[in-house]
Amino acid sequence: VISRYYPECQGATKPGSRQQYAAFLQAVSERTARLLAHWQAVGFCHGVMNTDNMSILGLTLDYGPFQFMDAFDPGHICNHSDTLGRYAFDRQPSVAWWNLHCLAQALMPLIDDAQAAEEALESYEAVFGDAFLALMRAKLGLRTPREGDAALVQQLLVLLAAGRVDWTIFWRRLSHAVGPGDFAEVRDLFIDRAGFDAWLLPYQELLAQEGRALAADLMLKTNPKFVLRNHLAEQAIAEAKLGRFDELQLLQTLLARPFDEHPGFEAHAGFPPEWASHITISCSS
């Protein structure tokens, strides 16, 4: 695995050395951290993050009870079988970190140094935090890192959670609003509109510094219009069971280029119907 997928871990150490295996563990840890940052930024819920469903390559395995969130709820549980919420959306980064410790235990006969194994995992939190903030900055159209970025993002997440604002629609509307500077349709998504107005003031100051056109261009390439929502998958499955595959093929087309507008298919990017909230998915889905 090291030779084929992690050659950078070989470095100056001899093949099979303890240092090489510790470097390997750190590289897997940091790939996993960046993967989880992308999950959190796009609103992806894995649903069943057992250690056997985590890839050594920092990829996603086991597409059973997965979901792209509709209304933003940090504690959302997409797996109907997860009665205790172990794999809730906001717990995904910590579960991945716990899984990496299990990997470290499995590698101990090779590393043979508990302190070296612990040190190999120390960078996970910082790598995740930096990657997540960079992704959120891009979602906001901000190219230049600034000291107050983390606070700006956190304030927004609190507002989104309080109003259970649709995650994908919010970001796409914001992407379109930035250019002309008209945030009325974004504001309408919030219950606490005064809170959104207060958040918007410093954000608009940053946009003025960045340039609205440049910010909007980055956002439209970062915030997808289309994601595989549960109700869209349910409809495509129902049609396919009847031998009709048009809906499945349409979803494949839309999701192959999720940042494009695809005029005429706004319904596939709209709010989920009421019945979608009653869809349940589990490990047997």
C-alpha atoms as a PDB file:
ATOM      1  CA  VAL A   1       0.000   0.000   0.000  1.00  0.00           C
ATOM      2  CA  ILE A   2       2.791   2.432   0.882  1.00  0.00           C
ATOM      3  CA  SER A   3       4.718   1.670  -2.276  1.00  0.00           C
ATOM      4  CA  ARG A   4       1.708   2.064  -4.560  1.00  0.00           C
ATOM      5  CA  TYR A   5      -0.368   4.781  -2.903  1.00  0.00           C
ATOM      6  CA  TYR A   6       1.879   6.561  -0.376  1.00  0.00           C
ATOM      7  CA  PRO A   7       5.379   6.585  -1.908  1.00  0.00           C
ATOM      8  CA  GLU A   8       6.107   9.908  -0.188  1.00  0.00           C
ATOM      9  CA  CYS A   9       6.170   8.007   3.120  1.00  0.00           C
ATOM     10  CA  GLN A  10       9.188   5.999   2.028  1.00  0.00           C
ATOM     11  CA  GLY A  11      11.427   9.039   2.070  1.00  0.00           C
ATOM     12  CA  ALA A  12      14.918   8.377   3.364  1.00  0.00           C
ATOM     13  CA  THR A  13      13.825   5.556   5.665  1.00  0.00           C
ATOM     14  CA  LYS A  14      14.285   1.928   4.814  1.00  0.00           C
ATOM     15  CA  PRO A  15      11.249  -0.040   3.590  1.00  0.00           C
ATOM     16  CA  GLY A  16       9.547  -1.638   6.559  1.00  0.00           C
ATOM     17  CA  SER A  17      11.025   0.759   9.126  1.00  0.00           C
ATOM     18  CA  ARG A  18       8.994   1.931  12.107  1.00  0.00           C
ATOM     19  CA  GLN A  19       9.297   5.548  10.951  1.00  0.00           C
ATOM     20  CA  GLN A  20       7.835   4.632   7.582  1.00  0.00           C
ATOM     21  CA  TYR A  21       4.754   3.063   9.143  1.00  0.00           C
ATOM     22  CA  ALA A  22       4.253   6.047  11.447  1.00  0.00           C
ATOM     23  CA  ALA A  23       4.507   8.372   8.437  1.00  0.00           C
ATOM     24  CA  PHE A  24       1.974   6.188   6.658  1.00  0.00           C
ATOM     25  CA  LEU A  25      -0.463   6.491   9.570  1.00  0.00           C
ATOM     26  CA  GLN A  26      -0.088  10.267   9.557  1.00  0.00           C
ATOM     27  CA  ALA A  27      -0.672  10.461   5.804  1.00  0.00           C
ATOM     28  CA  VAL A  28      -3.843   8.352   6.076  1.00  0.00           C
ATOM     29  CA  SER A  29      -4.985  10.531   8.978  1.00  0.00           C
ATOM     30  CA  GLU A  30      -4.497  13.755   7.041  1.00  0.00           C
ATOM     31  CA  ARG A  31      -6.221  12.424   3.910  1.00  0.00           C
ATOM     32  CA  THR A  32      -9.147  11.416   6.094  1.00  0.00           C
ATOM     33  CA  ALA A  33      -9.234  14.856   7.699  1.00  0.00           C
ATOM     34  CA  ARG A  34      -9.483  16.535   4.307  1.00  0.00           C
ATOM     35  CA  LEU A  35     -12.197  14.089   3.204  1.00  0.00           C
ATOM     36  CA  LEU A  36     -14.278  14.875   6.294  1.00  0.00           C
ATOM     37  CA  ALA A  37     -13.846  18.602   5.705  1.00  0.00           C
ATOM     38  CA  HIS A  38     -15.363  18.146   2.243  1.00  0.00           C
ATOM     39  CA  TRP A  39     -18.252  16.113   3.681  1.00  0.00           C
ATOM     40  CA  GLN A  40     -19.077  18.824   6.202  1.00  0.00           C
ATOM     41  CA  ALA A  41     -18.795  21.609   3.637  1.00  0.00           C
ATOM     42  CA  VAL A  42     -21.190  20.006   1.156  1.00  0.00           C
ATOM     43  CA  GLY A  43     -23.654  18.720   3.756  1.00  0.00           C
ATOM     44  CA  PHE A  44     -22.927  15.025   3.129  1.00  0.00           C
ATOM     45  CA  CYS A  45     -23.966  12.461   5.740  1.00  0.00           C
ATOM     46  CA  HIS A  46     -22.275   9.066   5.490  1.00  0.00           C
ATOM     47  CA  GLY A  47     -24.577   7.351   7.968  1.00  0.00           C
ATOM     48  CA  VAL A  48     -22.555   4.237   8.811  1.00  0.00           C
ATOM     49  CA  MET A  49     -18.969   5.150   9.636  1.00  0.00           C
ATOM     50  CA  ASN A  50     -17.813   1.791  10.984  1.00  0.00           C
ATOM     51  CA  THR A  51     -14.054   1.269  10.837  1.00  0.00           C
ATOM     52  CA  ASP A  52     -14.562  -1.245   8.008  1.00  0.00           C
ATOM     53  CA  ASN A  53     -16.300   1.457   5.954  1.00  0.00           C
ATOM     54  CA  MET A  54     -13.337   3.824   6.027  1.00  0.00           C
ATOM     55  CA  SER A  55     -10.822   3.626   3.197  1.00  0.00           C
ATOM     56  CA  ILE A  56      -7.075   3.592   3.729  1.00  0.00           C
ATOM     57  CA  LEU A  57      -6.924   5.930   0.717  1.00  0.00           C
ATOM     58  CA  GLY A  58      -9.119   8.631   2.243  1.00  0.00           C
ATOM     59  CA  LEU A  59     -12.141   7.751   0.108  1.00  0.00           C
ATOM     60  CA  THR A  60     -15.776   7.032   0.955  1.00  0.00           C
ATOM     61  CA  LEU A  61     -16.957   3.436   1.249  1.00  0.00           C
ATOM     62  CA  ASP A  62     -20.386   1.854   1.737  1.00  0.00           C
ATOM     63  CA  TYR A  63     -23.073   3.930   0.070  1.00  0.00           C
ATOM     64  CA  GLY A  64     -25.968   2.517   2.053  1.00  0.00           C
ATOM     65  CA  PRO A  65     -27.694   5.050   4.317  1.00  0.00           C
ATOM     66  CA  PHE A  66     -26.054   8.202   2.961  1.00  0.00           C
ATOM     67  CA  GLN A  67     -27.726  11.561   2.412  1.00  0.00           C
ATOM     68  CA  PHE A  68     -27.169  15.123   1.350  1.00  0.00           C
ATOM     69  CA  MET A  69     -28.908  17.243   3.971  1.00  0.00           C
ATOM     70  CA  ASP A  70     -31.979  19.257   3.112  1.00  0.00           C
ATOM     71  CA  ALA A  71     -32.664  21.557   6.082  1.00  0.00           C
ATOM     72  CA  PHE A  72     -29.419  22.266   7.926  1.00  0.00           C
ATOM     73  CA  ASP A  73     -29.374  20.476  11.253  1.00  0.00           C
ATOM     74  CA  PRO A  74     -25.922  19.847  12.774  1.00  0.00           C
ATOM     75  CA  GLY A  75     -27.321  16.907  14.757  1.00  0.00           C
ATOM     76  CA  HIS A  76     -29.072  15.325  11.776  1.00  0.00           C
ATOM     77  CA  ILE A  77     -29.097  11.509  11.747  1.00  0.00           C
ATOM     78  CA  CYS A  78     -29.593  10.074   8.287  1.00  0.00           C
ATOM     79  CA  ASN A  79     -29.350   6.389   9.253  1.00  0.00           C
ATOM     80  CA  HIS A  80     -32.662   5.148  10.675  1.00  0.00           C
ATOM     81  CA  SER A  81     -30.744   2.326  12.391  1.00  0.00           C
ATOM     82  CA  ASP A  82     -28.474   4.796  14.240  1.00  0.00           C
ATOM     83  CA  THR A  83     -30.776   5.231  17.223  1.00  0.00           C
ATOM     84  CA  LEU A  84     -28.083   6.797  19.422  1.00  0.00           C
ATOM     85  CA  GLY A  85     -26.888   9.264  16.806  1.00  0.00           C
ATOM     86  CA  ARG A  86     -23.316   7.988  16.809  1.00  0.00           C
ATOM     87  CA  TYR A  87     -22.940   8.995  13.158  1.00  0.00           C
ATOM     88  CA  ALA A  88     -24.904  12.246  13.278  1.00  0.00           C
ATOM     89  CA  PHE A  89     -23.691  14.905  10.862  1.00  0.00           C
ATOM     90  CA  ASP A  90     -21.764  16.989  13.387  1.00  0.00           C
ATOM     91  CA  ARG A  91     -20.129  13.903  14.893  1.00  0.00           C
ATOM     92  CA  GLN A  92     -18.585  12.691  11.646  1.00  0.00           C
ATOM     93  CA  PRO A  93     -15.178  14.371  12.142  1.00  0.00           C
ATOM     94  CA  SER A  94     -14.768  12.946  15.650  1.00  0.00           C
ATOM     95  CA  VAL A  95     -15.903   9.468  14.574  1.00  0.00           C
ATOM     96  CA  ALA A  96     -13.302   9.494  11.796  1.00  0.00           C
ATOM     97  CA  TRP A  97     -10.665  10.483  14.348  1.00  0.00           C
ATOM     98  CA  TRP A  98     -11.757   7.599  16.609  1.00  0.00           C
ATOM     99  CA  ASN A  99     -11.558   5.228  13.648  1.00  0.00           C
ATOM    100  CA  LEU A 100      -8.019   6.396  12.953  1.00  0.00           C
ATOM    101  CA  HIS A 101      -7.070   5.430  16.490  1.00  0.00           C
ATOM    102  CA  CYS A 102      -8.374   1.956  15.734  1.00  0.00           C
ATOM    103  CA  LEU A 103      -6.148   1.908  12.659  1.00  0.00           C
ATOM    104  CA  ALA A 104      -3.227   2.969  14.832  1.00  0.00           C
ATOM    105  CA  GLN A 105      -3.890   0.029  17.145  1.00  0.00           C
ATOM    106  CA  ALA A 106      -3.889  -2.334  14.166  1.00  0.00           C
ATOM    107  CA  LEU A 107      -0.542  -0.897  13.019  1.00  0.00           C
ATOM    108  CA  MET A 108       1.110  -1.081  16.446  1.00  0.00           C
ATOM    109  CA  PRO A 109       2.947  -4.368  15.712  1.00  0.00           C
ATOM    110  CA  LEU A 110       4.647  -2.466  12.859  1.00  0.00           C
ATOM    111  CA  ILE A 111       5.122   0.953  14.469  1.00  0.00           C
ATOM    112  CA  ASP A 112       5.978  -0.583  17.868  1.00  0.00           C
ATOM    113  CA  ASP A 113       5.949   2.800  19.572  1.00  0.00           C
ATOM    114  CA  ALA A 114       2.770   4.130  21.190  1.00  0.00           C
ATOM    115  CA  GLN A 115       4.077   7.689  21.365  1.00  0.00           C
ATOM    116  CA  ALA A 116       5.014   7.693  17.682  1.00  0.00           C
ATOM    117  CA  ALA A 117       1.533   6.444  16.805  1.00  0.00           C
ATOM    118  CA  GLU A 118      -0.102   9.165  18.900  1.00  0.00           C
ATOM    119  CA  GLU A 119       2.098  11.818  17.336  1.00  0.00           C
ATOM    120  CA  ALA A 120       1.153  10.572  13.874  1.00  0.00           C
ATOM    121  CA  LEU A 121      -2.493  11.397  14.650  1.00  0.00           C
ATOM    122  CA  GLU A 122      -1.873  14.799  16.220  1.00  0.00           C
ATOM    123  CA  SER A 123      -2.171  16.728  12.961  1.00  0.00           C
ATOM    124  CA  TYR A 124      -5.698  15.457  12.226  1.00  0.00           C
ATOM    125  CA  GLU A 125      -7.549  18.231  14.042  1.00  0.00           C
ATOM    126  CA  ALA A 126      -5.477  21.046  12.542  1.00  0.00           C
ATOM    127  CA  VAL A 127      -5.655  19.629   9.011  1.00  0.00           C
ATOM    128  CA  PHE A 128      -9.421  19.199   9.283  1.00  0.00           C
ATOM    129  CA  GLY A 129      -9.894  22.709  10.682  1.00  0.00           C
ATOM    130  CA  ASP A 130      -7.728  24.356   8.035  1.00  0.00           C
ATOM    131  CA  ALA A 131      -9.336  22.400   5.189  1.00  0.00           C
ATOM    132  CA  PHE A 132     -12.874  23.081   6.392  1.00  0.00           C
ATOM    133  CA  LEU A 133     -12.248  26.801   6.821  1.00  0.00           C
ATOM    134  CA  ALA A 134     -10.668  27.005   3.362  1.00  0.00           C
ATOM    135  CA  LEU A 135     -13.691  25.276   1.843  1.00  0.00           C
ATOM    136  CA  MET A 136     -16.132  27.523   3.684  1.00  0.00           C
ATOM    137  CA  ARG A 137     -14.162  30.571   2.642  1.00  0.00           C
ATOM    138  CA  ALA A 138     -14.500  29.467  -0.985  1.00  0.00           C
ATOM    139  CA  LYS A 139     -18.237  28.883  -0.504  1.00  0.00           C
ATOM    140  CA  LEU A 140     -18.432  32.521   0.607  1.00  0.00           C
ATOM    141  CA  GLY A 141     -16.351  33.690  -2.356  1.00  0.00           C
ATOM    142  CA  LEU A 142     -13.472  34.853  -0.172  1.00  0.00           C
ATOM    143  CA  ARG A 143     -10.060  34.165  -1.658  1.00  0.00           C
ATOM    144  CA  THR A 144      -7.998  36.058   0.918  1.00  0.00           C
ATOM    145  CA  PRO A 145      -7.688  34.476   4.397  1.00  0.00           C
ATOM    146  CA  ARG A 146      -8.459  36.874   7.224  1.00  0.00           C
ATOM    147  CA  GLU A 147      -8.351  36.623  10.994  1.00  0.00           C
ATOM    148  CA  GLY A 148     -12.128  36.889  11.445  1.00  0.00           C
ATOM    149  CA  ASP A 149     -13.093  34.231   8.882  1.00  0.00           C
ATOM    150  CA  ALA A 150     -13.724  31.449  11.400  1.00  0.00           C
ATOM    151  CA  ALA A 151     -16.028  33.658  13.471  1.00  0.00           C
ATOM    152  CA  LEU A 152     -17.934  34.769  10.359  1.00  0.00           C
ATOM    153  CA  VAL A 153     -18.474  31.142   9.327  1.00  0.00           C
ATOM    154  CA  GLN A 154     -19.530  30.065  12.811  1.00  0.00           C
ATOM    155  CA  GLN A 155     -22.055  32.884  13.107  1.00  0.00           C
ATOM    156  CA  LEU A 156     -23.557  31.869   9.777  1.00  0.00           C
ATOM    157  CA  LEU A 157     -23.773  28.197  10.761  1.00  0.00           C
ATOM    158  CA  VAL A 158     -25.636  29.156  13.935  1.00  0.00           C
ATOM    159  CA  LEU A 159     -28.146  31.182  11.901  1.00  0.00           C
ATOM    160  CA  LEU A 160     -28.618  28.383   9.372  1.00  0.00           C
ATOM    161  CA  ALA A 161     -29.186  25.818  12.107  1.00  0.00           C
ATOM    162  CA  ALA A 162     -31.607  28.022  14.042  1.00  0.00           C
ATOM    163  CA  GLY A 163     -33.787  28.468  10.961  1.00  0.00           C
ATOM    164  CA  ARG A 164     -33.218  24.972   9.549  1.00  0.00           C
ATOM    165  CA  VAL A 165     -32.368  26.649   6.272  1.00  0.00           C
ATOM    166  CA  ASP A 166     -31.959  24.391   3.254  1.00  0.00           C
ATOM    167  CA  TRP A 167     -28.192  23.914   2.947  1.00  0.00           C
ATOM    168  CA  THR A 168     -27.813  23.594  -0.817  1.00  0.00           C
ATOM    169  CA  ILE A 169     -30.410  26.213  -1.760  1.00  0.00           C
ATOM    170  CA  PHE A 170     -28.948  28.764   0.646  1.00  0.00           C
ATOM    171  CA  TRP A 171     -25.466  28.537  -0.817  1.00  0.00           C
ATOM    172  CA  ARG A 172     -26.695  28.631  -4.400  1.00  0.00           C
ATOM    173  CA  ARG A 173     -28.948  31.635  -3.774  1.00  0.00           C
ATOM    174  CA  LEU A 174     -26.110  33.411  -2.017  1.00  0.00           C
ATOM    175  CA  SER A 175     -23.861  32.697  -4.996  1.00  0.00           C
ATOM    176  CA  HIS A 176     -26.334  34.401  -7.333  1.00  0.00           C
ATOM    177  CA  ALA A 177     -26.999  37.288  -4.941  1.00  0.00           C
ATOM    178  CA  VAL A 178     -23.391  38.367  -4.469  1.00  0.00           C
ATOM    179  CA  GLY A 179     -22.888  39.768  -7.982  1.00  0.00           C
ATOM    180  CA  PRO A 180     -25.822  42.202  -8.096  1.00  0.00           C
ATOM    181  CA  GLY A 181     -25.764  42.714  -4.324  1.00  0.00           C
ATOM    182  CA  ASP A 182     -29.463  41.882  -3.929  1.00  0.00           C
ATOM    183  CA  PHE A 183     -29.871  39.498  -0.985  1.00  0.00           C
ATOM    184  CA  ALA A 184     -33.672  39.627  -0.667  1.00  0.00           C
ATOM    185  CA  GLU A 185     -34.229  35.997  -1.747  1.00  0.00           C
ATOM    186  CA  VAL A 186     -31.467  34.816   0.565  1.00  0.00           C
ATOM    187  CA  ARG A 187     -32.890  36.798   3.472  1.00  0.00           C
ATOM    188  CA  ASP A 188     -36.304  35.203   2.904  1.00  0.00           C
ATOM    189  CA  LEU A 189     -34.840  31.815   3.839  1.00  0.00           C
ATOM    190  CA  PHE A 190     -34.268  32.912   7.445  1.00  0.00           C
ATOM    191  CA  ILE A 191     -36.633  33.150  10.383  1.00  0.00           C
ATOM    192  CA  ASP A 192     -34.209  35.456  12.183  1.00  0.00           C
ATOM    193  CA  ARG A 193     -33.927  38.071   9.462  1.00  0.00           C
ATOM    194  CA  ALA A 194     -32.469  40.650  11.792  1.00  0.00           C
ATOM    195  CA  GLY A 195     -29.740  38.154  12.642  1.00  0.00           C
ATOM    196  CA  PHE A 196     -29.044  37.579   8.955  1.00  0.00           C
ATOM    197  CA  ASP A 197     -28.916  41.328   8.336  1.00  0.00           C
ATOM    198  CA  ALA A 198     -26.360  41.707  11.137  1.00  0.00           C
ATOM    199  CA  TRP A 199     -24.238  38.917   9.664  1.00  0.00           C
ATOM    200  CA  LEU A 200     -24.549  40.355   6.160  1.00  0.00           C
ATOM    201  CA  LEU A 201     -22.974  43.719   7.034  1.00  0.00           C
ATOM    202  CA  PRO A 202     -19.398  42.515   7.675  1.00  0.00           C
ATOM    203  CA  TYR A 203     -19.740  39.958   4.883  1.00  0.00           C
ATOM    204  CA  GLN A 204     -20.559  42.682   2.365  1.00  0.00           C
ATOM    205  CA  GLU A 205     -17.526  44.627   3.512  1.00  0.00           C
ATOM    206  CA  LEU A 206     -15.370  41.606   2.704  1.00  0.00           C
ATOM    207  CA  LEU A 207     -17.049  41.228  -0.684  1.00  0.00           C
ATOM    208  CA  ALA A 208     -16.205  44.853  -1.498  1.00  0.00           C
ATOM    209  CA  GLN A 209     -12.563  44.082  -0.803  1.00  0.00           C
ATOM    210  CA  GLU A 210     -12.595  40.848  -2.805  1.00  0.00           C
ATOM    211  CA  GLY A 211     -14.614  42.146  -5.752  1.00  0.00           C
ATOM    212  CA  ARG A 212     -18.192  40.951  -6.200  1.00  0.00           C
ATOM    213  CA  ALA A 213     -17.739  39.544  -9.685  1.00  0.00           C
ATOM    214  CA  LEU A 214     -14.719  37.459  -8.679  1.00  0.00           C
ATOM    215  CA  ALA A 215     -16.468  36.262  -5.535  1.00  0.00           C
ATOM    216  CA  ALA A 216     -19.612  35.243  -7.438  1.00  0.00           C
ATOM    217  CA  ASP A 217     -17.564  33.353 -10.019  1.00  0.00           C
ATOM    218  CA  LEU A 218     -15.783  31.364  -7.311  1.00  0.00           C
ATOM    219  CA  MET A 219     -19.034  30.637  -5.467  1.00  0.00           C
ATOM    220  CA  LEU A 220     -20.891  29.375  -8.529  1.00  0.00           C
ATOM    221  CA  LYS A 221     -18.025  26.936  -9.114  1.00  0.00           C
ATOM    222  CA  THR A 222     -18.007  25.859  -5.466  1.00  0.00           C
ATOM    223  CA  ASN A 223     -21.667  25.650  -4.427  1.00  0.00           C
ATOM    224  CA  PRO A 224     -23.576  23.040  -6.469  1.00  0.00           C
ATOM    225  CA  LYS A 225     -27.057  23.667  -7.745  1.00  0.00           C
ATOM    226  CA  PHE A 226     -27.856  19.951  -7.822  1.00  0.00           C
ATOM    227  CA  VAL A 227     -27.184  17.249  -5.234  1.00  0.00           C
ATOM    228  CA  LEU A 228     -28.614  13.751  -4.920  1.00  0.00           C
ATOM    229  CA  ARG A 229     -31.405  14.450  -2.472  1.00  0.00           C
ATOM    230  CA  ASN A 230     -33.310  11.518  -0.978  1.00  0.00           C
ATOM    231  CA  HIS A 231     -36.565  12.248  -2.763  1.00  0.00           C
ATOM    232  CA  LEU A 232     -34.837  12.473  -6.147  1.00  0.00           C
ATOM    233  CA  ALA A 233     -33.208   9.096  -5.595  1.00  0.00           C
ATOM    234  CA  GLU A 234     -36.517   7.644  -4.392  1.00  0.00           C
ATOM    235  CA  GLN A 235     -38.330   8.801  -7.522  1.00  0.00           C
ATOM    236  CA  ALA A 236     -35.619   7.451  -9.815  1.00  0.00           C
ATOM    237  CA  ILE A 237     -35.668   4.087  -8.031  1.00  0.00           C
ATOM    238  CA  ALA A 238     -39.451   3.847  -8.222  1.00  0.00           C
ATOM    239  CA  GLU A 239     -39.372   4.522 -11.970  1.00  0.00           C
ATOM    240  CA  ALA A 240     -36.522   2.078 -12.538  1.00  0.00           C
ATOM    241  CA  LYS A 241     -38.453  -0.685 -10.784  1.00  0.00           C
ATOM    242  CA  LEU A 242     -41.106  -0.217 -13.450  1.00  0.00           C
ATOM    243  CA  GLY A 243     -38.526  -0.475 -16.199  1.00  0.00           C
ATOM    244  CA  ARG A 244     -38.440   3.270 -16.860  1.00  0.00           C
ATOM    245  CA  PHE A 245     -34.944   4.741 -16.662  1.00  0.00           C
ATOM    246  CA  ASP A 246     -35.464   8.277 -17.961  1.00  0.00           C
ATOM    247  CA  GLU A 247     -35.343   9.803 -14.468  1.00  0.00           C
ATOM    248  CA  LEU A 248     -32.201   7.889 -13.579  1.00  0.00           C
ATOM    249  CA  GLN A 249     -30.495   9.024 -16.763  1.00  0.00           C
ATOM    250  CA  LEU A 250     -31.584  12.612 -16.132  1.00  0.00           C
ATOM    251  CA  LEU A 251     -30.100  12.538 -12.631  1.00  0.00           C
ATOM    252  CA  GLN A 252     -26.861  11.186 -14.045  1.00  0.00           C
ATOM    253  CA  THR A 253     -26.749  14.101 -16.478  1.00  0.00           C
ATOM    254  CA  LEU A 254     -27.510  16.751 -13.852  1.00  0.00           C
ATOM    255  CA  LEU A 255     -25.134  15.348 -11.238  1.00  0.00           C
ATOM    256  CA  ALA A 256     -22.304  14.914 -13.722  1.00  0.00           C
ATOM    257  CA  ARG A 257     -22.239  18.734 -13.961  1.00  0.00           C
ATOM    258  CA  PRO A 258     -23.859  19.875 -10.693  1.00  0.00           C
ATOM    259  CA  PHE A 259     -22.571  23.458 -10.899  1.00  0.00           C
ATOM    260  CA  ASP A 260     -24.186  24.147 -14.293  1.00  0.00           C
ATOM    261  CA  GLU A 261     -27.600  25.819 -14.399  1.00  0.00           C
ATOM    262  CA  HIS A 262     -29.347  23.195 -16.611  1.00  0.00           C
ATOM    263  CA  PRO A 263     -32.303  25.448 -17.564  1.00  0.00           C
ATOM    264  CA  GLY A 264     -35.672  23.742 -17.404  1.00  0.00           C
ATOM    265  CA  PHE A 265     -34.799  21.453 -14.510  1.00  0.00           C
ATOM    266  CA  GLU A 266     -35.216  23.870 -11.617  1.00  0.00           C
ATOM    267  CA  ALA A 267     -37.565  21.403  -9.893  1.00  0.00           C
ATOM    268  CA  HIS A 268     -34.614  19.082  -9.345  1.00  0.00           C
ATOM    269  CA  ALA A 269     -32.846  21.889  -7.494  1.00  0.00           C
ATOM    270  CA  GLY A 270     -35.857  23.083  -5.527  1.00  0.00           C
ATOM    271  CA  PHE A 271     -37.091  22.475  -2.011  1.00  0.00           C
ATOM    272  CA  PRO A 272     -37.917  18.846  -1.226  1.00  0.00           C
ATOM    273  CA  PRO A 273     -41.629  17.961  -1.044  1.00  0.00           C
ATOM    274  CA  GLU A 274     -43.233  17.417   2.347  1.00  0.00           C
ATOM    275  CA  TRP A 275     -43.273  13.646   1.908  1.00  0.00           C
ATOM    276  CA  ALA A 276     -39.487  13.613   1.612  1.00  0.00           C
ATOM    277  CA  SER A 277     -39.189  14.186   5.353  1.00  0.00           C
ATOM    278  CA  HIS A 278     -40.777  10.778   5.944  1.00  0.00           C
ATOM    279  CA  ILE A 279     -38.207   8.846   3.897  1.00  0.00           C
ATOM    280  CA  THR A 280     -36.139   6.563   6.122  1.00  0.00           C
ATOM    281  CA  ILE A 281     -32.889   4.914   5.130  1.00  0.00           C
ATOM    282  CA  SER A 282     -30.933   2.281   6.999  1.00  0.00           C
ATOM    283  CA  CYS A 283     -28.079  -0.171   6.600  1.00  0.00           C
ATOM    284  CA  SER A 284     -30.413  -2.380   4.571  1.00  0.00           C
ATOM    285  CA  SER A 285     -31.352   0.392   2.123  1.00  0.00           C
END
